Amino acid sequence: MHGGAAWERMADFDLTPEQRLVRRSVRDFAEKELLPHVERHEREARYPLELIAKLAPLGLMAPMIPEEYGGSFSDVVSYGVICEELARVDWVVASVVSVSNSLVAGSILRWGNEEQKSRWLPAIAAGECITSACLTEPGGGTDLGNMKSTATRVQGGWLLNGTKVFISHAAHAGLFFVVASIDLAKKHKGVTALLVDPRVSEGITIGAFPMRTLKRDNVAEVHFKDVFVPDENLLGEPGGGFPVLGSALDMGRYSVAARSIGQAQRCIDLSIAYAREREAFGQKIGEFQMIQQKIADGLALAGTRRRAGATS
């Protein structure tokens, strides 16, 4: 074995030229098209529908949906970069992409039948159908063992009852990804995944959930009372929702982590700029060792930022 063999076998964690281009392109879009509106939308508690509409023409709405369903499928790293750069400027717009790809469309791709894929994925990719994941409950979060929502078998489908909280995009969604139990005594073995169309389903009540921040996200509390869900909207098998939700949350955690890095980087960018501008006691505050230490700690917490073409 020659001396370079070990290095040749090492994984390369740098971005490819194409992924670097994705970062530059998404950052440019976010700063030009999103940033000028974020503060105003927050003050007005205004959901950014007109900004979300700009994602699909650029291929940013569906980076994990295959082209055969109208998406702009790319690699997982590029998807993370997209989530990161959008969240660096606007967490809400980034959340739309994250929820649609990681939780809802991703679940349909992995567990749905061809009819479900053909029905929902093109609309999601085109930006015509915003999605919402109705998972968290008042008493147990996403703890499947403590789930209280139920799906009761009836002729031709299921009756859905229960309450979900901290639900993003609910008031504007054209598709809900919902988990409920067909038998509470079975704990996680009773969990079942359902696709619910709120535009045609009776018995759904969407109420505002009081938030002190991210008011433009319109975080909601969603109540389901005897909501009929037809058999064709069952995702996977009855009682087989545990792996469906598990795979969704695996990719969901990835995109949330990417969005968090973007937010952390934005904090660092603003902190450095302010430290270079603000003066106290006859000098820029960035020249004080304590301020330098705070910024250094922030860089460390943000993962020291990757070597892959990011700028501070």
Protein backbone atom coordinates (compact mmCIF):
# COMPACT_ATOMS: atom_id res chain seq x y z
CA MET A 1 0.00 0.00 0.00
CA HIS A 2 1.54 3.27 -1.04
CA GLY A 3 1.68 6.29 1.23
CA GLY A 4 -1.24 8.18 -0.29
CA ALA A 5 -3.75 5.34 -0.11
CA ALA A 6 -5.12 6.31 3.32
CA TRP A 7 -5.79 9.89 2.20
CA GLU A 8 -7.45 8.66 -0.98
CA ARG A 9 -9.92 6.66 1.11
CA MET A 10 -10.90 9.61 3.33
CA ALA A 11 -14.35 11.12 2.91
CA ASP A 12 -14.50 14.55 1.30
CA PHE A 13 -16.79 16.84 3.27
CA ASP A 14 -16.22 19.87 1.07
CA LEU A 15 -18.90 21.11 -1.29
CA THR A 16 -18.70 20.40 -5.00
CA PRO A 17 -18.55 23.33 -7.45
CA GLU A 18 -22.24 22.74 -8.21
CA GLN A 19 -23.16 22.84 -4.52
CA ARG A 20 -21.19 26.05 -4.06
CA LEU A 21 -23.15 27.54 -6.94
CA VAL A 22 -26.38 26.50 -5.24
CA ARG A 23 -25.26 28.31 -2.08
CA ARG A 24 -24.40 31.50 -3.93
CA SER A 25 -27.61 31.44 -5.96
CA VAL A 26 -29.93 30.82 -3.00
CA ARG A 27 -28.15 33.40 -0.84
CA ASP A 28 -28.47 35.99 -3.61
CA PHE A 29 -32.17 35.20 -4.01
CA ALA A 30 -32.83 35.31 -0.26
CA GLU A 31 -31.08 38.63 0.28
CA LYS A 32 -32.71 40.31 -2.72
CA GLU A 33 -36.22 38.84 -2.64
CA LEU A 34 -36.87 37.88 1.00
CA LEU A 35 -34.79 40.07 3.29
CA PRO A 36 -36.46 43.42 2.41
CA HIS A 37 -39.84 42.09 3.61
CA VAL A 38 -39.10 40.00 6.71
CA GLU A 39 -39.29 42.70 9.40
CA ARG A 40 -42.43 44.27 7.94
CA HIS A 41 -44.17 40.91 7.66
CA GLU A 42 -43.27 40.13 11.27
CA ARG A 43 -44.72 43.42 12.50
CA GLU A 44 -47.89 42.81 10.50
CA ALA A 45 -48.05 39.10 11.46
CA ARG A 46 -48.36 38.52 7.72
CA TYR A 47 -47.87 35.08 6.23
CA PRO A 48 -45.48 35.49 3.26
CA LEU A 49 -47.55 33.90 0.49
CA GLU A 50 -46.17 36.18 -2.22
CA LEU A 51 -42.61 35.27 -1.23
CA ILE A 52 -43.35 31.55 -1.12
CA ALA A 53 -44.74 31.84 -4.66
CA LYS A 54 -41.27 32.82 -5.89
CA LEU A 55 -39.70 29.51 -4.85
CA ALA A 56 -41.17 27.11 -7.40
CA PRO A 57 -40.04 28.91 -10.60
CA LEU A 58 -36.45 28.73 -9.30
CA GLY A 59 -36.68 25.05 -8.38
CA LEU A 60 -36.41 25.82 -4.66
CA MET A 61 -39.80 24.47 -3.61
CA ALA A 62 -39.13 20.81 -4.40
CA PRO A 63 -35.41 19.94 -4.30
CA MET A 64 -36.23 16.44 -3.00
CA ILE A 65 -39.10 15.66 -5.39
CA PRO A 66 -38.07 13.77 -8.57
CA GLU A 67 -38.38 15.49 -11.94
CA GLU A 68 -41.02 12.98 -13.08
CA TYR A 69 -43.37 14.59 -10.52
CA GLY A 70 -42.39 18.15 -11.40
CA GLY A 71 -39.64 18.57 -8.82
CA SER A 72 -36.06 19.72 -9.15
CA PHE A 73 -34.49 16.73 -7.41
CA SER A 74 -30.95 17.33 -6.24
CA ASP A 75 -28.63 15.65 -3.78
CA VAL A 76 -29.30 15.74 -0.05
CA VAL A 77 -26.38 18.08 0.65
CA SER A 78 -27.72 20.65 -1.83
CA TYR A 79 -31.11 20.35 -0.15
CA GLY A 80 -29.48 21.14 3.19
CA VAL A 81 -27.71 24.14 1.66
CA ILE A 82 -31.02 25.45 0.30
CA CYS A 83 -32.69 25.12 3.72
CA GLU A 84 -29.71 26.77 5.39
CA GLU A 85 -29.49 29.77 3.09
CA LEU A 86 -33.24 30.42 3.07
CA ALA A 87 -33.38 30.21 6.88
CA ARG A 88 -30.41 32.55 7.17
CA VAL A 89 -32.81 35.27 5.99
CA ASP A 90 -36.35 33.95 6.63
CA TRP A 91 -37.13 30.96 8.85
CA VAL A 92 -40.77 30.82 7.70
CA VAL A 93 -40.05 30.52 3.98
CA ALA A 94 -37.36 27.93 4.76
CA SER A 95 -39.87 26.03 6.89
CA VAL A 96 -42.24 25.72 3.92
CA VAL A 97 -39.50 23.99 1.94
CA SER A 98 -38.45 21.85 4.90
CA VAL A 99 -41.95 20.65 5.82
CA SER A 100 -42.94 19.97 2.22
CA ASN A 101 -39.81 18.00 1.32
CA SER A 102 -38.69 16.31 4.54
CA LEU A 103 -42.03 15.51 6.15
CA VAL A 104 -44.86 15.44 3.63
CA ALA A 105 -43.58 14.87 0.08
CA GLY A 106 -40.79 12.68 1.42
CA SER A 107 -43.31 10.48 3.21
CA ILE A 108 -45.47 10.20 0.11
CA LEU A 109 -42.42 9.26 -1.97
CA ARG A 110 -41.30 6.57 0.47
CA TRP A 111 -44.65 5.16 1.54
CA GLY A 112 -47.32 6.32 -0.89
CA ASN A 113 -48.78 4.46 -3.84
CA GLU A 114 -48.53 5.73 -7.39
CA GLU A 115 -51.97 7.33 -7.28
CA GLN A 116 -51.03 9.33 -4.18
CA LYS A 117 -47.72 10.39 -5.72
CA SER A 118 -49.34 11.52 -8.96
CA ARG A 119 -52.10 13.34 -7.11
CA TRP A 120 -50.04 15.33 -4.61
CA LEU A 121 -46.40 15.64 -5.64
CA PRO A 122 -46.82 17.76 -8.81
CA ALA A 123 -49.00 20.26 -6.93
CA ILE A 124 -46.46 20.50 -4.11
CA ALA A 125 -43.58 20.94 -6.56
CA ALA A 126 -45.44 23.66 -8.45
CA GLY A 127 -46.09 25.60 -5.24
CA GLU A 128 -49.83 25.14 -5.69
CA CYS A 129 -50.18 23.10 -2.50
CA ILE A 130 -48.53 24.24 0.70
CA THR A 131 -48.29 21.37 3.17
CA SER A 132 -48.55 21.06 6.93
CA ALA A 133 -47.45 18.25 9.25
CA CYS A 134 -49.97 17.75 12.05
CA LEU A 135 -47.91 15.72 14.49
CA THR A 136 -47.41 17.47 17.84
CA GLU A 137 -50.10 17.06 20.50
CA PRO A 138 -50.83 19.06 23.68
CA GLY A 139 -49.87 16.32 26.11
CA GLY A 140 -47.03 14.44 24.47
CA GLY A 141 -45.46 16.34 21.60
CA THR A 142 -44.45 13.75 19.02
CA ASP A 143 -44.29 11.02 21.70
CA LEU A 144 -46.16 8.26 19.88
CA GLY A 145 -46.86 6.35 23.08
CA ASN A 146 -48.87 9.27 24.47
CA MET A 147 -50.76 10.08 21.29
CA LYS A 148 -54.45 10.82 21.90
CA SER A 149 -55.70 11.47 18.36
CA THR A 150 -57.68 8.54 16.98
CA ALA A 151 -58.68 7.15 13.60
CA THR A 152 -61.79 4.97 13.81
CA ARG A 153 -62.69 2.55 11.03
CA VAL A 154 -65.94 3.31 9.17
CA GLN A 155 -67.27 2.25 5.81
CA GLY A 156 -64.99 3.54 3.07
CA GLY A 157 -62.45 5.14 5.36
CA TRP A 158 -61.70 6.54 8.80
CA LEU A 159 -63.06 9.11 11.24
CA LEU A 160 -60.30 11.32 12.59
CA ASN A 161 -60.57 12.95 16.02
CA GLY A 162 -58.02 14.83 18.07
CA THR A 163 -56.03 18.04 18.52
CA LYS A 164 -52.62 19.02 17.20
CA VAL A 165 -50.63 22.06 18.38
CA PHE A 166 -47.68 24.19 17.19
CA ILE A 167 -48.67 23.45 13.60
CA SER A 168 -46.94 25.63 11.01
CA HIS A 169 -48.63 26.65 7.73
CA ALA A 170 -51.95 25.03 8.72
CA ALA A 171 -54.20 27.95 7.71
CA HIS A 172 -52.69 28.04 4.23
CA ALA A 173 -52.16 24.33 3.61
CA GLY A 174 -53.78 22.29 0.90
CA LEU A 175 -52.59 19.02 2.43
CA PHE A 176 -52.17 17.79 6.01
CA PHE A 177 -49.89 14.90 6.94
CA VAL A 178 -51.55 13.57 10.11
CA VAL A 179 -50.77 10.73 12.48
CA ALA A 180 -53.41 9.17 14.72
CA SER A 181 -53.96 5.87 16.51
CA ILE A 182 -56.35 3.13 15.48
CA ASP A 183 -56.00 1.62 18.97
CA LEU A 184 -54.60 3.69 21.85
CA ALA A 185 -53.88 0.53 23.86
CA LYS A 186 -51.36 -0.57 21.22
CA LYS A 187 -49.24 2.54 21.77
CA HIS A 188 -46.85 3.02 18.83
CA LYS A 189 -48.16 -0.12 17.10
CA GLY A 190 -51.51 1.63 16.61
CA VAL A 191 -50.09 4.73 14.94
CA THR A 192 -51.44 5.35 11.46
CA ALA A 193 -50.46 7.98 8.86
CA LEU A 194 -53.15 9.83 6.93
CA LEU A 195 -53.26 12.41 4.15
CA VAL A 196 -56.02 14.95 4.82
CA ASP A 197 -57.25 17.54 2.34
CA PRO A 198 -58.48 20.45 4.51
CA ARG A 199 -60.15 22.11 1.52
CA VAL A 200 -62.77 19.38 1.18
CA SER A 201 -62.86 17.83 4.66
CA GLU A 202 -65.55 18.88 7.14
CA GLY A 203 -64.88 18.97 10.87
CA ILE A 204 -61.50 20.74 10.83
CA THR A 205 -61.07 23.83 13.00
CA ILE A 206 -57.89 25.88 12.75
CA GLY A 207 -57.24 28.28 15.61
CA ALA A 208 -54.42 30.75 16.12
CA PHE A 209 -51.75 29.67 18.59
CA PRO A 210 -50.40 32.66 20.56
CA MET A 211 -46.75 33.32 19.74
CA ARG A 212 -44.49 36.19 20.84
CA THR A 213 -42.16 35.68 17.88
CA LEU A 214 -42.51 34.33 14.34
CA LYS A 215 -46.02 35.72 14.19
CA ARG A 216 -45.92 35.65 10.41
CA ASP A 217 -45.65 31.84 10.60
CA ASN A 218 -49.33 31.67 11.66
CA VAL A 219 -48.58 28.74 14.01
CA ALA A 220 -51.91 27.07 14.72
CA GLU A 221 -53.87 24.67 16.87
CA VAL A 222 -55.78 22.21 14.68
CA HIS A 223 -58.87 20.34 15.88
CA PHE A 224 -60.26 17.30 14.06
CA LYS A 225 -63.81 16.26 14.91
CA ASP A 226 -65.24 13.28 13.03
CA VAL A 227 -63.24 14.20 9.95
CA PHE A 228 -63.82 11.58 7.28
CA VAL A 229 -60.61 10.39 5.61
CA PRO A 230 -61.21 8.02 2.65
CA ASP A 231 -59.25 4.79 2.36
CA GLU A 232 -57.26 6.13 -0.59
CA ASN A 233 -55.74 8.75 1.73
CA LEU A 234 -54.24 6.17 4.06
CA LEU A 235 -50.43 6.40 3.84
CA GLY A 236 -48.99 2.95 4.34
CA GLU A 237 -50.85 0.33 6.35
CA PRO A 238 -53.26 0.72 9.31
CA GLY A 239 -51.12 0.61 12.42
CA GLY A 240 -48.01 0.99 10.27
CA GLY A 241 -47.48 4.70 10.83
CA PHE A 242 -44.56 4.35 13.23
CA PRO A 243 -41.91 3.79 10.52
CA VAL A 244 -43.63 6.37 8.30
CA LEU A 245 -43.31 9.05 10.95
CA GLY A 246 -39.84 7.86 11.96
CA SER A 247 -38.44 8.25 8.45
CA ALA A 248 -40.13 11.64 8.11
CA LEU A 249 -38.61 12.90 11.35
CA ASP A 250 -35.16 11.61 10.40
CA MET A 251 -35.09 13.83 7.31
CA GLY A 252 -36.98 16.55 9.17
CA ARG A 253 -34.27 16.79 11.82
CA TYR A 254 -31.68 17.12 9.06
CA SER A 255 -33.43 20.06 7.43
CA VAL A 256 -34.15 21.73 10.78
CA ALA A 257 -30.47 21.41 11.69
CA ALA A 258 -29.53 23.01 8.37
CA ARG A 259 -31.98 25.85 8.99
CA SER A 260 -30.56 26.36 12.49
CA ILE A 261 -27.05 26.69 11.08
CA GLY A 262 -28.34 29.33 8.69
CA GLN A 263 -29.90 31.28 11.53
CA ALA A 264 -26.72 31.00 13.59
CA GLN A 265 -24.66 32.27 10.69
CA ARG A 266 -26.98 35.25 10.31
CA CYS A 267 -26.53 36.09 13.99
CA ILE A 268 -22.76 35.97 13.56
CA ASP A 269 -22.89 38.10 10.41
CA LEU A 270 -24.92 40.78 12.18
CA SER A 271 -22.80 40.62 15.31
CA ILE A 272 -19.53 41.10 13.43
CA ALA A 273 -20.93 43.98 11.40
CA TYR A 274 -22.25 45.69 14.54
CA ALA A 275 -18.97 45.14 16.43
CA ARG A 276 -17.11 46.85 13.61
CA GLU A 277 -19.52 49.78 13.54
CA ARG A 278 -20.46 50.55 17.16
CA GLU A 279 -18.08 52.72 19.17
CA ALA A 280 -17.69 52.97 22.94
CA PHE A 281 -14.97 54.50 25.09
CA GLY A 282 -13.19 55.85 22.04
CA GLN A 283 -12.92 52.66 19.99
CA LYS A 284 -14.90 50.09 18.03
CA ILE A 285 -16.45 47.60 20.41
CA GLY A 286 -15.02 44.80 18.26
CA GLU A 287 -11.60 45.79 19.54
CA PHE A 288 -12.55 44.80 23.10
CA GLN A 289 -11.39 41.34 24.06
CA MET A 290 -14.72 40.44 25.69
CA ILE A 291 -16.64 41.18 22.48
CA GLN A 292 -14.11 39.21 20.47
CA GLN A 293 -14.57 36.28 22.83
CA LYS A 294 -18.35 36.39 22.45
CA ILE A 295 -18.07 36.34 18.68
CA ALA A 296 -15.51 33.54 18.83
CA ASP A 297 -17.85 31.52 21.04
CA GLY A 298 -20.64 32.13 18.54
CA LEU A 299 -18.48 30.87 15.71
CA ALA A 300 -17.66 27.75 17.72
CA LEU A 301 -21.32 27.08 18.49
CA ALA A 302 -22.22 27.50 14.84
CA GLY A 303 -19.77 24.78 13.97
CA THR A 304 -17.01 27.23 12.95
CA ARG A 305 -18.84 27.43 9.64
CA ARG A 306 -17.93 24.99 6.93
CA ARG A 307 -14.97 25.29 4.63
CA ALA A 308 -17.34 25.12 1.70
CA GLY A 309 -17.53 28.57 0.25
CA ALA A 310 -19.45 30.38 2.99
CA THR A 311 -18.60 33.99 3.63
CA SER A 312 -18.77 35.83 6.93
